[in-house]
Amino acid sequence: MNPDDKITAIRLSGMLPRVFLSESIPASDVWRSELVLERGRHYLIEAASGGGKSSLCSYIYGARVDYEGTLWFDSENAATFGMERWQELRRRHIAYLPQELSLFPELTALQNIEIKNSLTGWKSSEEIEESLHMLGIDSRRDYPVGRMSIGQQQRVGIIRALCQPFDFILLDEPVSHLDEGNNRVAAMMITAEARRQGAGIVSTSVGNPLLMEEYIKLRL
């Protein structure tokens, strides 16, 4: 596959975390189902804590493989991917904001963002500064992330996640610590970037969903 080719769909066929194999799970739109996530569409995946939201994102990102079933990127079976193919997917096709954020606590907000952007060259300095301002953390740009609140860290993580090309962006409880105002700004920024790239959005939530105008709701 040409690295520049777009991924148009992610298909989950009969997938289930192995830890759930011995359990009776409730009806799901995702687990043990045939689910196609299409580029350009927005999906909200809701489930109770422990339902496997973070596991699902990790499977799609290639960070974990402890599942049954098959994961497809268009016609490619993810089980055949080596590290080089996964790295290519993460650089060009799949953006990810994990629930644990994975920021460097000793670095500043701006440094955390610039590490990612230095690898992709996707955003200008002016665009990054505007994003910091829109999310109300421009005054914290030079603070170590470890001294920021969880809500402020989430906003740093959102900006960082948008600093790359992608066909899909995975957002694991991206606004769980944001008030409604910052939630709406974050949703606007994510939606605008996804629309610019023609990308799909896959967001998870346990009760504070990303306030997108239109989305397809799925039960996990």
N, C-alpha and C. Protein backbone atom coordinates (compact mmCIF):
# COMPACT_ATOMS: atom_id res chain seq x y z
N MET A 1 0.84 -1.20 0.00
CA MET A 1 0.00 0.00 0.00
C MET A 1 0.87 1.24 0.00
N ASN A 2 0.54 2.21 -0.84
CA ASN A 2 1.25 3.48 -0.87
C ASN A 2 1.01 4.21 0.44
N PRO A 3 2.07 4.66 1.16
CA PRO A 3 1.89 5.36 2.43
C PRO A 3 0.99 6.59 2.34
N ASP A 4 0.92 7.17 1.14
CA ASP A 4 0.11 8.38 0.98
C ASP A 4 -1.37 8.07 0.69
N ASP A 5 -1.70 6.81 0.44
CA ASP A 5 -3.09 6.45 0.22
C ASP A 5 -3.90 6.66 1.49
N LYS A 6 -5.11 7.13 1.34
CA LYS A 6 -5.97 7.35 2.50
C LYS A 6 -6.60 6.05 2.96
N ILE A 7 -6.79 5.92 4.26
CA ILE A 7 -7.56 4.81 4.81
C ILE A 7 -9.01 5.26 4.85
N THR A 8 -9.88 4.55 4.18
CA THR A 8 -11.27 4.97 4.07
C THR A 8 -12.18 4.30 5.09
N ALA A 9 -11.73 3.17 5.65
CA ALA A 9 -12.59 2.46 6.60
C ALA A 9 -11.75 1.59 7.53
N ILE A 10 -12.23 1.49 8.76
CA ILE A 10 -11.68 0.55 9.74
C ILE A 10 -12.80 -0.44 10.07
N ARG A 11 -12.51 -1.73 9.90
CA ARG A 11 -13.55 -2.74 10.12
C ARG A 11 -13.18 -3.66 11.27
N LEU A 12 -14.11 -3.82 12.19
CA LEU A 12 -13.95 -4.72 13.32
C LEU A 12 -14.86 -5.93 13.08
N SER A 13 -14.26 -7.10 12.98
CA SER A 13 -15.02 -8.30 12.68
C SER A 13 -14.92 -9.29 13.84
N GLY A 14 -16.01 -9.41 14.59
CA GLY A 14 -16.05 -10.36 15.70
C GLY A 14 -15.05 -10.09 16.79
N MET A 15 -14.66 -8.84 16.98
CA MET A 15 -13.62 -8.54 17.97
C MET A 15 -14.16 -8.56 19.39
N LEU A 16 -13.30 -9.00 20.30
CA LEU A 16 -13.63 -9.04 21.72
C LEU A 16 -12.34 -9.13 22.53
N PRO A 17 -12.19 -8.29 23.56
CA PRO A 17 -11.02 -8.44 24.44
C PRO A 17 -10.98 -9.84 25.04
N ARG A 18 -9.82 -10.44 25.07
CA ARG A 18 -9.72 -11.80 25.58
C ARG A 18 -10.15 -11.91 27.04
N VAL A 19 -9.99 -10.83 27.78
CA VAL A 19 -10.39 -10.85 29.18
C VAL A 19 -11.90 -11.05 29.33
N PHE A 20 -12.67 -10.74 28.27
CA PHE A 20 -14.12 -10.90 28.31
C PHE A 20 -14.61 -12.26 27.82
N LEU A 21 -13.69 -13.12 27.37
CA LEU A 21 -14.10 -14.37 26.73
C LEU A 21 -14.94 -15.26 27.64
N SER A 22 -14.64 -15.25 28.93
CA SER A 22 -15.36 -16.12 29.85
C SER A 22 -16.55 -15.43 30.49
N GLU A 23 -16.85 -14.19 30.05
CA GLU A 23 -17.93 -13.42 30.64
C GLU A 23 -19.12 -13.33 29.68
N SER A 24 -20.29 -13.11 30.26
CA SER A 24 -21.48 -12.83 29.47
C SER A 24 -21.60 -11.32 29.33
N ILE A 25 -21.34 -10.81 28.14
CA ILE A 25 -21.36 -9.37 27.94
C ILE A 25 -22.72 -8.94 27.39
N PRO A 26 -23.17 -7.74 27.73
CA PRO A 26 -24.44 -7.25 27.19
C PRO A 26 -24.36 -7.00 25.69
N ALA A 27 -25.53 -6.82 25.07
CA ALA A 27 -25.58 -6.53 23.63
C ALA A 27 -24.70 -5.33 23.31
N SER A 28 -23.94 -5.43 22.25
CA SER A 28 -22.97 -4.39 21.90
C SER A 28 -22.99 -4.13 20.41
N ASP A 29 -22.80 -2.86 20.04
CA ASP A 29 -22.64 -2.50 18.63
C ASP A 29 -21.23 -2.73 18.14
N VAL A 30 -20.33 -3.06 19.09
CA VAL A 30 -18.90 -3.16 18.77
C VAL A 30 -18.37 -4.57 18.97
N TRP A 31 -18.48 -5.08 20.21
CA TRP A 31 -17.91 -6.39 20.51
C TRP A 31 -18.75 -7.50 19.89
N ARG A 32 -18.04 -8.48 19.34
CA ARG A 32 -18.65 -9.64 18.67
C ARG A 32 -19.59 -9.20 17.55
N SER A 33 -19.32 -8.07 16.94
CA SER A 33 -20.18 -7.54 15.88
C SER A 33 -19.37 -7.33 14.60
N GLU A 34 -20.07 -6.94 13.55
CA GLU A 34 -19.44 -6.50 12.31
C GLU A 34 -19.64 -4.99 12.23
N LEU A 35 -18.59 -4.24 12.50
CA LEU A 35 -18.69 -2.78 12.58
C LEU A 35 -17.71 -2.16 11.60
N VAL A 36 -18.20 -1.22 10.80
CA VAL A 36 -17.34 -0.47 9.89
C VAL A 36 -17.36 1.00 10.29
N LEU A 37 -16.18 1.54 10.60
CA LEU A 37 -16.00 2.96 10.89
C LEU A 37 -15.52 3.63 9.61
N GLU A 38 -16.27 4.59 9.12
CA GLU A 38 -15.97 5.19 7.82
C GLU A 38 -15.29 6.55 7.98
N ARG A 39 -14.31 6.77 7.13
CA ARG A 39 -13.62 8.06 7.10
C ARG A 39 -14.63 9.17 6.78
N GLY A 40 -14.52 10.29 7.51
CA GLY A 40 -15.40 11.42 7.28
C GLY A 40 -16.62 11.43 8.17
N ARG A 41 -16.84 10.37 8.98
CA ARG A 41 -18.00 10.32 9.85
C ARG A 41 -17.55 10.40 11.32
N HIS A 42 -18.48 10.78 12.19
CA HIS A 42 -18.19 10.96 13.61
C HIS A 42 -18.91 9.89 14.41
N TYR A 43 -18.18 9.25 15.32
CA TYR A 43 -18.74 8.17 16.13
C TYR A 43 -18.53 8.47 17.61
N LEU A 44 -19.56 8.25 18.40
CA LEU A 44 -19.48 8.36 19.85
C LEU A 44 -19.73 6.97 20.43
N ILE A 45 -18.73 6.44 21.14
CA ILE A 45 -18.83 5.12 21.73
C ILE A 45 -19.02 5.28 23.23
N GLU A 46 -20.18 4.85 23.73
CA GLU A 46 -20.51 5.00 25.13
C GLU A 46 -20.54 3.65 25.83
N ALA A 47 -20.05 3.64 27.05
CA ALA A 47 -20.07 2.40 27.85
C ALA A 47 -19.78 2.77 29.30
N ALA A 48 -20.14 1.89 30.19
CA ALA A 48 -19.79 2.06 31.59
C ALA A 48 -18.29 1.86 31.76
N SER A 49 -17.76 2.34 32.88
CA SER A 49 -16.36 2.12 33.18
C SER A 49 -16.06 0.63 33.20
N GLY A 50 -14.97 0.24 32.57
CA GLY A 50 -14.61 -1.17 32.49
C GLY A 50 -15.19 -1.89 31.30
N GLY A 51 -15.90 -1.15 30.43
CA GLY A 51 -16.52 -1.78 29.27
C GLY A 51 -15.58 -2.02 28.11
N GLY A 52 -14.37 -1.49 28.18
CA GLY A 52 -13.39 -1.76 27.13
C GLY A 52 -13.13 -0.60 26.18
N LYS A 53 -13.52 0.62 26.56
CA LYS A 53 -13.33 1.77 25.66
C LYS A 53 -11.85 2.01 25.37
N SER A 54 -11.04 2.04 26.43
CA SER A 54 -9.61 2.27 26.22
C SER A 54 -8.97 1.11 25.48
N SER A 55 -9.44 -0.10 25.74
CA SER A 55 -8.91 -1.27 25.03
C SER A 55 -9.18 -1.15 23.54
N LEU A 56 -10.39 -0.73 23.18
CA LEU A 56 -10.75 -0.59 21.77
C LEU A 56 -9.81 0.40 21.08
N CYS A 57 -9.58 1.55 21.69
CA CYS A 57 -8.69 2.55 21.09
C CYS A 57 -7.27 1.99 20.96
N SER A 58 -6.82 1.27 21.98
CA SER A 58 -5.47 0.69 21.93
C SER A 58 -5.34 -0.35 20.83
N TYR A 59 -6.41 -1.12 20.58
CA TYR A 59 -6.36 -2.12 19.51
C TYR A 59 -6.24 -1.43 18.15
N ILE A 60 -7.07 -0.40 17.94
CA ILE A 60 -7.04 0.30 16.65
C ILE A 60 -5.70 0.99 16.43
N TYR A 61 -5.08 1.46 17.52
CA TYR A 61 -3.80 2.16 17.42
C TYR A 61 -2.62 1.18 17.36
N GLY A 62 -2.89 -0.08 17.59
CA GLY A 62 -1.82 -1.08 17.53
C GLY A 62 -0.99 -1.16 18.79
N ALA A 63 -1.47 -0.57 19.89
CA ALA A 63 -0.72 -0.60 21.14
C ALA A 63 -0.94 -1.91 21.90
N ARG A 64 -2.05 -2.60 21.59
CA ARG A 64 -2.37 -3.87 22.24
C ARG A 64 -2.97 -4.83 21.20
N VAL A 65 -2.76 -6.12 21.44
CA VAL A 65 -3.29 -7.13 20.51
C VAL A 65 -3.99 -8.25 21.27
N ASP A 66 -4.38 -8.02 22.51
CA ASP A 66 -5.00 -9.07 23.32
C ASP A 66 -6.50 -9.15 23.07
N TYR A 67 -6.85 -9.45 21.81
CA TYR A 67 -8.25 -9.57 21.43
C TYR A 67 -8.45 -10.76 20.51
N GLU A 68 -9.69 -11.21 20.43
CA GLU A 68 -10.10 -12.20 19.45
C GLU A 68 -10.78 -11.46 18.30
N GLY A 69 -10.86 -12.09 17.13
CA GLY A 69 -11.48 -11.45 15.98
C GLY A 69 -10.45 -10.80 15.09
N THR A 70 -10.92 -9.98 14.15
CA THR A 70 -10.04 -9.41 13.13
C THR A 70 -10.27 -7.91 12.99
N LEU A 71 -9.17 -7.18 12.87
CA LEU A 71 -9.20 -5.74 12.66
C LEU A 71 -8.65 -5.45 11.27
N TRP A 72 -9.43 -4.72 10.47
CA TRP A 72 -9.03 -4.42 9.09
C TRP A 72 -8.91 -2.92 8.89
N PHE A 73 -7.88 -2.51 8.15
CA PHE A 73 -7.75 -1.14 7.64
C PHE A 73 -7.94 -1.25 6.13
N ASP A 74 -9.13 -0.88 5.65
CA ASP A 74 -9.52 -1.18 4.28
C ASP A 74 -9.33 -2.69 4.05
N SER A 75 -8.50 -3.09 3.12
CA SER A 75 -8.35 -4.53 2.84
C SER A 75 -7.16 -5.15 3.57
N GLU A 76 -6.51 -4.41 4.45
CA GLU A 76 -5.34 -4.91 5.16
C GLU A 76 -5.72 -5.47 6.53
N ASN A 77 -5.30 -6.67 6.80
CA ASN A 77 -5.50 -7.30 8.10
C ASN A 77 -4.42 -6.82 9.06
N ALA A 78 -4.81 -6.19 10.16
CA ALA A 78 -3.83 -5.63 11.10
C ALA A 78 -2.93 -6.69 11.70
N ALA A 79 -3.38 -7.95 11.70
CA ALA A 79 -2.56 -9.02 12.26
C ALA A 79 -1.29 -9.24 11.45
N THR A 80 -1.24 -8.75 10.21
CA THR A 80 -0.06 -8.93 9.36
C THR A 80 0.93 -7.78 9.48
N PHE A 81 0.58 -6.75 10.24
CA PHE A 81 1.42 -5.55 10.30
C PHE A 81 2.66 -5.78 11.16
N GLY A 82 3.79 -5.28 10.67
CA GLY A 82 4.99 -5.19 11.47
C GLY A 82 5.11 -3.81 12.08
N MET A 83 6.16 -3.59 12.83
CA MET A 83 6.32 -2.30 13.51
C MET A 83 6.42 -1.15 12.52
N GLU A 84 7.07 -1.37 11.38
CA GLU A 84 7.22 -0.30 10.39
C GLU A 84 5.86 0.16 9.86
N ARG A 85 4.95 -0.80 9.61
CA ARG A 85 3.63 -0.43 9.12
C ARG A 85 2.83 0.31 10.19
N TRP A 86 2.91 -0.14 11.44
CA TRP A 86 2.21 0.55 12.52
C TRP A 86 2.75 1.98 12.68
N GLN A 87 4.05 2.16 12.58
CA GLN A 87 4.63 3.49 12.71
C GLN A 87 4.14 4.40 11.60
N GLU A 88 4.03 3.85 10.39
CA GLU A 88 3.52 4.64 9.26
C GLU A 88 2.07 5.05 9.50
N LEU A 89 1.27 4.12 10.01
CA LEU A 89 -0.13 4.44 10.31
C LEU A 89 -0.23 5.56 11.33
N ARG A 90 0.59 5.51 12.36
CA ARG A 90 0.54 6.51 13.43
C ARG A 90 1.06 7.86 12.97
N ARG A 91 1.97 7.87 12.02
CA ARG A 91 2.50 9.15 11.52
C ARG A 91 1.54 9.84 10.58
N ARG A 92 0.81 9.07 9.75
CA ARG A 92 0.07 9.66 8.65
C ARG A 92 -1.44 9.44 8.68
N HIS A 93 -1.90 8.44 9.43
CA HIS A 93 -3.29 8.03 9.26
C HIS A 93 -4.14 8.00 10.54
N ILE A 94 -3.53 7.69 11.70
CA ILE A 94 -4.30 7.52 12.93
C ILE A 94 -3.72 8.43 14.01
N ALA A 95 -4.49 9.44 14.41
CA ALA A 95 -4.11 10.27 15.55
C ALA A 95 -4.80 9.72 16.78
N TYR A 96 -4.22 9.95 17.97
CA TYR A 96 -4.73 9.30 19.18
C TYR A 96 -4.51 10.19 20.40
N LEU A 97 -5.58 10.39 21.15
CA LEU A 97 -5.49 11.02 22.47
C LEU A 97 -5.90 9.98 23.50
N PRO A 98 -4.93 9.33 24.18
CA PRO A 98 -5.29 8.32 25.17
C PRO A 98 -5.86 8.95 26.43
N GLN A 99 -6.61 8.17 27.17
CA GLN A 99 -7.22 8.67 28.40
C GLN A 99 -6.16 9.13 29.39
N GLU A 100 -5.02 8.43 29.44
CA GLU A 100 -3.97 8.79 30.39
C GLU A 100 -3.09 9.93 29.86
N LEU A 101 -3.36 10.40 28.64
CA LEU A 101 -2.75 11.57 28.00
C LEU A 101 -1.30 11.36 27.58
N SER A 102 -0.48 10.67 28.40
CA SER A 102 0.92 10.38 28.04
C SER A 102 1.72 11.65 27.74
N LEU A 103 1.52 12.68 28.53
CA LEU A 103 2.32 13.90 28.43
C LEU A 103 3.59 13.75 29.25
N PHE A 104 4.59 14.60 28.96
CA PHE A 104 5.83 14.62 29.74
C PHE A 104 5.67 15.67 30.85
N PRO A 105 5.53 15.25 32.11
CA PRO A 105 5.18 16.19 33.19
C PRO A 105 6.25 17.25 33.45
N GLU A 106 7.51 16.94 33.15
CA GLU A 106 8.57 17.90 33.44
C GLU A 106 8.70 18.96 32.34
N LEU A 107 8.08 18.72 31.19
CA LEU A 107 8.13 19.68 30.09
C LEU A 107 6.92 20.61 30.15
N THR A 108 7.06 21.77 29.53
CA THR A 108 5.97 22.73 29.53
C THR A 108 4.87 22.30 28.55
N ALA A 109 3.74 22.98 28.66
CA ALA A 109 2.64 22.71 27.73
C ALA A 109 3.11 22.88 26.29
N LEU A 110 3.78 23.99 26.01
CA LEU A 110 4.23 24.25 24.64
C LEU A 110 5.26 23.22 24.19
N GLN A 111 6.17 22.83 25.07
CA GLN A 111 7.18 21.84 24.69
C GLN A 111 6.54 20.50 24.36
N ASN A 112 5.53 20.09 25.12
CA ASN A 112 4.83 18.84 24.84
C ASN A 112 4.21 18.87 23.45
N ILE A 113 3.63 20.00 23.09
CA ILE A 113 3.00 20.14 21.78
C ILE A 113 4.06 20.18 20.67
N GLU A 114 5.14 20.91 20.93
CA GLU A 114 6.16 21.09 19.90
C GLU A 114 6.93 19.81 19.60
N ILE A 115 7.06 18.92 20.58
CA ILE A 115 7.71 17.64 20.31
C ILE A 115 6.99 16.91 19.18
N LYS A 116 5.67 16.87 19.29
CA LYS A 116 4.87 16.20 18.24
C LYS A 116 4.97 16.98 16.93
N ASN A 117 4.78 18.28 17.01
CA ASN A 117 4.74 19.08 15.78
C ASN A 117 6.09 19.12 15.07
N SER A 118 7.17 18.97 15.82
CA SER A 118 8.49 18.96 15.18
C SER A 118 8.68 17.72 14.30
N LEU A 119 7.95 16.66 14.62
CA LEU A 119 8.04 15.43 13.83
C LEU A 119 7.17 15.49 12.58
N THR A 120 6.09 16.28 12.64
CA THR A 120 5.14 16.31 11.53
C THR A 120 5.18 17.61 10.73
N GLY A 121 5.56 18.72 11.38
CA GLY A 121 5.53 20.02 10.72
C GLY A 121 4.13 20.41 10.28
N TRP A 122 3.12 19.92 11.00
CA TRP A 122 1.75 20.06 10.53
C TRP A 122 1.15 21.43 10.84
N LYS A 123 1.51 22.00 11.98
CA LYS A 123 0.94 23.26 12.41
C LYS A 123 2.02 24.35 12.46
N SER A 124 1.63 25.58 12.13
CA SER A 124 2.55 26.70 12.30
C SER A 124 2.56 27.13 13.76
N SER A 125 3.57 27.89 14.14
CA SER A 125 3.64 28.41 15.51
C SER A 125 2.42 29.26 15.82
N GLU A 126 1.98 30.01 14.82
CA GLU A 126 0.81 30.88 15.01
C GLU A 126 -0.46 30.05 15.26
N GLU A 127 -0.60 28.94 14.56
CA GLU A 127 -1.77 28.07 14.76
C GLU A 127 -1.76 27.45 16.15
N ILE A 128 -0.59 27.05 16.62
CA ILE A 128 -0.49 26.47 17.95
C ILE A 128 -0.83 27.52 19.01
N GLU A 129 -0.30 28.72 18.84
CA GLU A 129 -0.60 29.78 19.80
C GLU A 129 -2.09 30.10 19.81
N GLU A 130 -2.72 30.10 18.66
CA GLU A 130 -4.15 30.36 18.58
C GLU A 130 -4.94 29.26 19.28
N SER A 131 -4.51 28.02 19.14
CA SER A 131 -5.19 26.91 19.82
C SER A 131 -5.06 27.03 21.33
N LEU A 132 -3.88 27.38 21.81
CA LEU A 132 -3.69 27.61 23.24
C LEU A 132 -4.62 28.70 23.75
N HIS A 133 -4.75 29.75 22.96
CA HIS A 133 -5.62 30.88 23.34
C HIS A 133 -7.09 30.46 23.35
N MET A 134 -7.51 29.75 22.33
CA MET A 134 -8.91 29.34 22.22
C MET A 134 -9.33 28.45 23.39
N LEU A 135 -8.40 27.61 23.85
CA LEU A 135 -8.72 26.71 24.95
C LEU A 135 -8.34 27.29 26.32
N GLY A 136 -7.97 28.56 26.33
CA GLY A 136 -7.76 29.27 27.59
C GLY A 136 -6.54 28.85 28.38
N ILE A 137 -5.52 28.34 27.70
CA ILE A 137 -4.30 27.93 28.42
C ILE A 137 -3.07 28.63 27.87
N ASP A 138 -3.26 29.72 27.13
CA ASP A 138 -2.10 30.44 26.62
C ASP A 138 -1.25 31.01 27.75
N SER A 139 -1.86 31.36 28.87
CA SER A 139 -1.10 31.88 30.01
C SER A 139 -0.33 30.77 30.72
N ARG A 140 -0.60 29.52 30.37
CA ARG A 140 0.08 28.38 30.98
C ARG A 140 1.03 27.70 30.00
N ARG A 141 1.28 28.32 28.88
CA ARG A 141 2.09 27.71 27.83
C ARG A 141 3.48 27.31 28.31
N ASP A 142 4.05 28.07 29.28
CA ASP A 142 5.40 27.79 29.75
C ASP A 142 5.43 27.14 31.13
N TYR A 143 4.28 26.62 31.58
CA TYR A 143 4.21 25.89 32.84
C TYR A 143 4.52 24.42 32.59
N PRO A 144 5.26 23.77 33.52
CA PRO A 144 5.41 22.32 33.41
C PRO A 144 4.03 21.66 33.48
N VAL A 145 3.80 20.71 32.61
CA VAL A 145 2.49 20.06 32.56
C VAL A 145 2.14 19.39 33.89
N GLY A 146 3.16 18.89 34.60
CA GLY A 146 2.91 18.24 35.87
C GLY A 146 2.33 19.16 36.93
N ARG A 147 2.42 20.46 36.72
CA ARG A 147 1.86 21.44 37.66
C ARG A 147 0.50 21.97 37.20
N MET A 148 0.01 21.45 36.11
CA MET A 148 -1.28 21.90 35.58
C MET A 148 -2.39 20.98 36.06
N SER A 149 -3.63 21.47 36.07
CA SER A 149 -4.77 20.64 36.42
C SER A 149 -5.01 19.60 35.34
N ILE A 150 -5.79 18.56 35.67
CA ILE A 150 -6.09 17.51 34.70
C ILE A 150 -6.84 18.10 33.50
N GLY A 151 -7.76 19.03 33.77
CA GLY A 151 -8.49 19.67 32.67
C GLY A 151 -7.57 20.44 31.74
N GLN A 152 -6.59 21.15 32.31
CA GLN A 152 -5.62 21.88 31.49
C GLN A 152 -4.76 20.90 30.70
N GLN A 153 -4.38 19.80 31.34
CA GLN A 153 -3.59 18.79 30.63
C GLN A 153 -4.37 18.19 29.47
N GLN A 154 -5.68 17.97 29.67
CA GLN A 154 -6.49 17.45 28.56
C GLN A 154 -6.47 18.40 27.37
N ARG A 155 -6.51 19.69 27.65
CA ARG A 155 -6.49 20.66 26.56
C ARG A 155 -5.15 20.66 25.83
N VAL A 156 -4.06 20.49 26.57
CA VAL A 156 -2.74 20.35 25.93
C VAL A 156 -2.74 19.10 25.05
N GLY A 157 -3.27 17.99 25.59
CA GLY A 157 -3.30 16.75 24.83
C GLY A 157 -4.12 16.86 23.55
N ILE A 158 -5.22 17.59 23.60
CA ILE A 158 -6.06 17.77 22.41
C ILE A 158 -5.29 18.52 21.33
N ILE A 159 -4.62 19.61 21.72
CA ILE A 159 -3.84 20.39 20.74
C ILE A 159 -2.75 19.52 20.13
N ARG A 160 -2.05 18.77 20.99
CA ARG A 160 -0.98 17.91 20.49
C ARG A 160 -1.51 16.86 19.51
N ALA A 161 -2.66 16.26 19.82
CA ALA A 161 -3.21 15.22 18.95
C ALA A 161 -3.56 15.75 17.57
N LEU A 162 -3.87 17.03 17.48
CA LEU A 162 -4.26 17.62 16.19
C LEU A 162 -3.06 18.05 15.34
N CYS A 163 -1.86 17.88 15.88
CA CYS A 163 -0.66 18.31 15.16
C CYS A 163 -0.10 17.22 14.26
N GLN A 164 -0.97 16.64 13.42
CA GLN A 164 -0.49 15.64 12.46
C GLN A 164 -1.57 15.39 11.41
N PRO A 165 -1.17 14.82 10.28
CA PRO A 165 -2.18 14.35 9.31
C PRO A 165 -2.84 13.10 9.84
N PHE A 166 -4.13 12.92 9.55
CA PHE A 166 -4.82 11.70 9.97
C PHE A 166 -6.05 11.46 9.12
N ASP A 167 -6.40 10.18 9.00
CA ASP A 167 -7.65 9.77 8.38
C ASP A 167 -8.71 9.50 9.44
N PHE A 168 -8.24 9.11 10.63
CA PHE A 168 -9.11 8.91 11.79
C PHE A 168 -8.40 9.47 13.02
N ILE A 169 -9.17 10.04 13.93
CA ILE A 169 -8.63 10.45 15.21
C ILE A 169 -9.39 9.73 16.30
N LEU A 170 -8.65 9.08 17.21
CA LEU A 170 -9.21 8.34 18.33
C LEU A 170 -9.10 9.20 19.58
N LEU A 171 -10.21 9.43 20.26
CA LEU A 171 -10.24 10.30 21.43
C LEU A 171 -10.87 9.54 22.59
N ASP A 172 -10.05 9.13 23.55
CA ASP A 172 -10.54 8.32 24.67
C ASP A 172 -10.89 9.22 25.85
N GLU A 173 -12.19 9.46 26.02
CA GLU A 173 -12.70 10.37 27.05
C GLU A 173 -11.94 11.71 27.03
N PRO A 174 -11.98 12.41 25.90
CA PRO A 174 -11.13 13.60 25.72
C PRO A 174 -11.53 14.80 26.55
N VAL A 175 -12.79 14.86 27.01
CA VAL A 175 -13.26 16.06 27.72
C VAL A 175 -13.83 15.71 29.09
N SER A 176 -13.38 14.61 29.66
CA SER A 176 -13.94 14.16 30.94
C SER A 176 -13.74 15.16 32.07
N HIS A 177 -12.74 16.03 31.94
CA HIS A 177 -12.46 17.02 32.99
C HIS A 177 -12.66 18.46 32.50
N LEU A 178 -13.41 18.64 31.42
CA LEU A 178 -13.65 19.98 30.88
C LEU A 178 -15.07 20.43 31.17
N ASP A 179 -15.23 21.73 31.43
CA ASP A 179 -16.57 22.29 31.57
C ASP A 179 -17.21 22.41 30.18
N GLU A 180 -18.48 22.77 30.15
CA GLU A 180 -19.20 22.78 28.88
C GLU A 180 -18.59 23.77 27.89
N GLY A 181 -18.14 24.92 28.39
CA GLY A 181 -17.56 25.92 27.49
C GLY A 181 -16.32 25.40 26.79
N ASN A 182 -15.38 24.84 27.55
CA ASN A 182 -14.17 24.31 26.94
C ASN A 182 -14.46 23.07 26.11
N ASN A 183 -15.46 22.30 26.52
CA ASN A 183 -15.89 21.15 25.72
C ASN A 183 -16.31 21.60 24.33
N ARG A 184 -17.11 22.64 24.26
CA ARG A 184 -17.60 23.12 22.97
C ARG A 184 -16.46 23.65 22.10
N VAL A 185 -15.52 24.35 22.71
CA VAL A 185 -14.38 24.86 21.94
C VAL A 185 -13.54 23.69 21.43
N ALA A 186 -13.29 22.71 22.30
CA ALA A 186 -12.52 21.54 21.88
C ALA A 186 -13.21 20.80 20.74
N ALA A 187 -14.53 20.62 20.87
CA ALA A 187 -15.29 19.94 19.82
C ALA A 187 -15.20 20.70 18.51
N MET A 188 -15.27 22.01 18.57
CA MET A 188 -15.18 22.83 17.36
C MET A 188 -13.81 22.67 16.69
N MET A 189 -12.75 22.69 17.51
CA MET A 189 -11.40 22.56 16.96
C MET A 189 -11.19 21.19 16.32
N ILE A 190 -11.62 20.15 17.02
CA ILE A 190 -11.45 18.79 16.51
C ILE A 190 -12.26 18.58 15.24
N THR A 191 -13.50 19.05 15.26
CA THR A 191 -14.36 18.90 14.08
C THR A 191 -13.80 19.66 12.88
N ALA A 192 -13.29 20.87 13.13
CA ALA A 192 -12.75 21.67 12.04
C ALA A 192 -11.53 21.00 11.42
N GLU A 193 -10.65 20.45 12.25
CA GLU A 193 -9.46 19.78 11.72
C GLU A 193 -9.84 18.50 10.98
N ALA A 194 -10.79 17.75 11.53
CA ALA A 194 -11.24 16.54 10.85
C ALA A 194 -11.88 16.87 9.51
N ARG A 195 -12.68 17.92 9.47
CA ARG A 195 -13.32 18.32 8.22
C ARG A 195 -12.25 18.76 7.20
N ARG A 196 -11.26 19.48 7.67
CA ARG A 196 -10.17 19.94 6.79
C ARG A 196 -9.47 18.75 6.14
N GLN A 197 -9.33 17.65 6.89
CA GLN A 197 -8.61 16.50 6.37
C GLN A 197 -9.55 15.42 5.82
N GLY A 198 -10.86 15.64 5.92
CA GLY A 198 -11.82 14.63 5.48
C GLY A 198 -11.77 13.39 6.35
N ALA A 199 -11.44 13.57 7.63
CA ALA A 199 -11.16 12.44 8.51
C ALA A 199 -12.37 12.03 9.34
N GLY A 200 -12.26 10.84 9.92
CA GLY A 200 -13.27 10.34 10.84
C GLY A 200 -12.88 10.61 12.28
N ILE A 201 -13.87 10.75 13.15
CA ILE A 201 -13.66 10.96 14.57
C ILE A 201 -14.28 9.80 15.33
N VAL A 202 -13.50 9.19 16.22
CA VAL A 202 -14.00 8.12 17.08
C VAL A 202 -13.72 8.55 18.51
N SER A 203 -14.78 8.89 19.25
CA SER A 203 -14.65 9.41 20.60
C SER A 203 -15.37 8.51 21.59
N THR A 204 -14.78 8.27 22.76
CA THR A 204 -15.43 7.47 23.79
C THR A 204 -15.85 8.35 24.95
N SER A 205 -16.82 7.86 25.73
CA SER A 205 -17.30 8.64 26.88
C SER A 205 -18.01 7.73 27.86
N VAL A 206 -17.92 8.10 29.15
CA VAL A 206 -18.71 7.45 30.19
C VAL A 206 -19.81 8.38 30.70
N GLY A 207 -19.94 9.57 30.12
CA GLY A 207 -21.00 10.46 30.60
C GLY A 207 -20.82 11.92 30.25
N ASN A 208 -19.62 12.32 29.83
CA ASN A 208 -19.38 13.70 29.40
C ASN A 208 -18.85 13.64 27.97
N PRO A 209 -19.74 13.49 26.99
CA PRO A 209 -19.29 13.29 25.61
C PRO A 209 -18.78 14.59 24.99
N LEU A 210 -17.93 14.43 24.00
CA LEU A 210 -17.50 15.54 23.17
C LEU A 210 -18.73 16.11 22.47
N LEU A 211 -18.95 17.43 22.59
CA LEU A 211 -20.20 18.04 22.11
C LEU A 211 -20.16 18.30 20.61
N MET A 212 -20.15 17.23 19.84
CA MET A 212 -20.20 17.34 18.39
C MET A 212 -21.65 17.54 17.95
N GLU A 213 -21.84 18.25 16.86
CA GLU A 213 -23.18 18.53 16.37
C GLU A 213 -23.85 17.26 15.84
N GLU A 214 -23.10 16.44 15.14
CA GLU A 214 -23.66 15.21 14.56
C GLU A 214 -22.71 14.06 14.84
N TYR A 215 -23.28 12.93 15.25
CA TYR A 215 -22.46 11.75 15.47
C TYR A 215 -23.33 10.50 15.43
N ILE A 216 -22.67 9.38 15.23
CA ILE A 216 -23.32 8.08 15.27
C ILE A 216 -23.01 7.47 16.61
N LYS A 217 -24.02 7.19 17.41
CA LYS A 217 -23.80 6.65 18.76
C LYS A 217 -23.74 5.12 18.71
N LEU A 218 -22.73 4.58 19.37
CA LEU A 218 -22.55 3.13 19.45
C LEU A 218 -22.45 2.70 20.90
N ARG A 219 -23.06 1.57 21.21
CA ARG A 219 -22.98 1.00 22.55
C ARG A 219 -21.86 -0.02 22.59
N LEU A 220 -21.03 0.09 23.62
CA LEU A 220 -19.93 -0.87 23.75
C LEU A 220 -20.36 -2.01 24.67
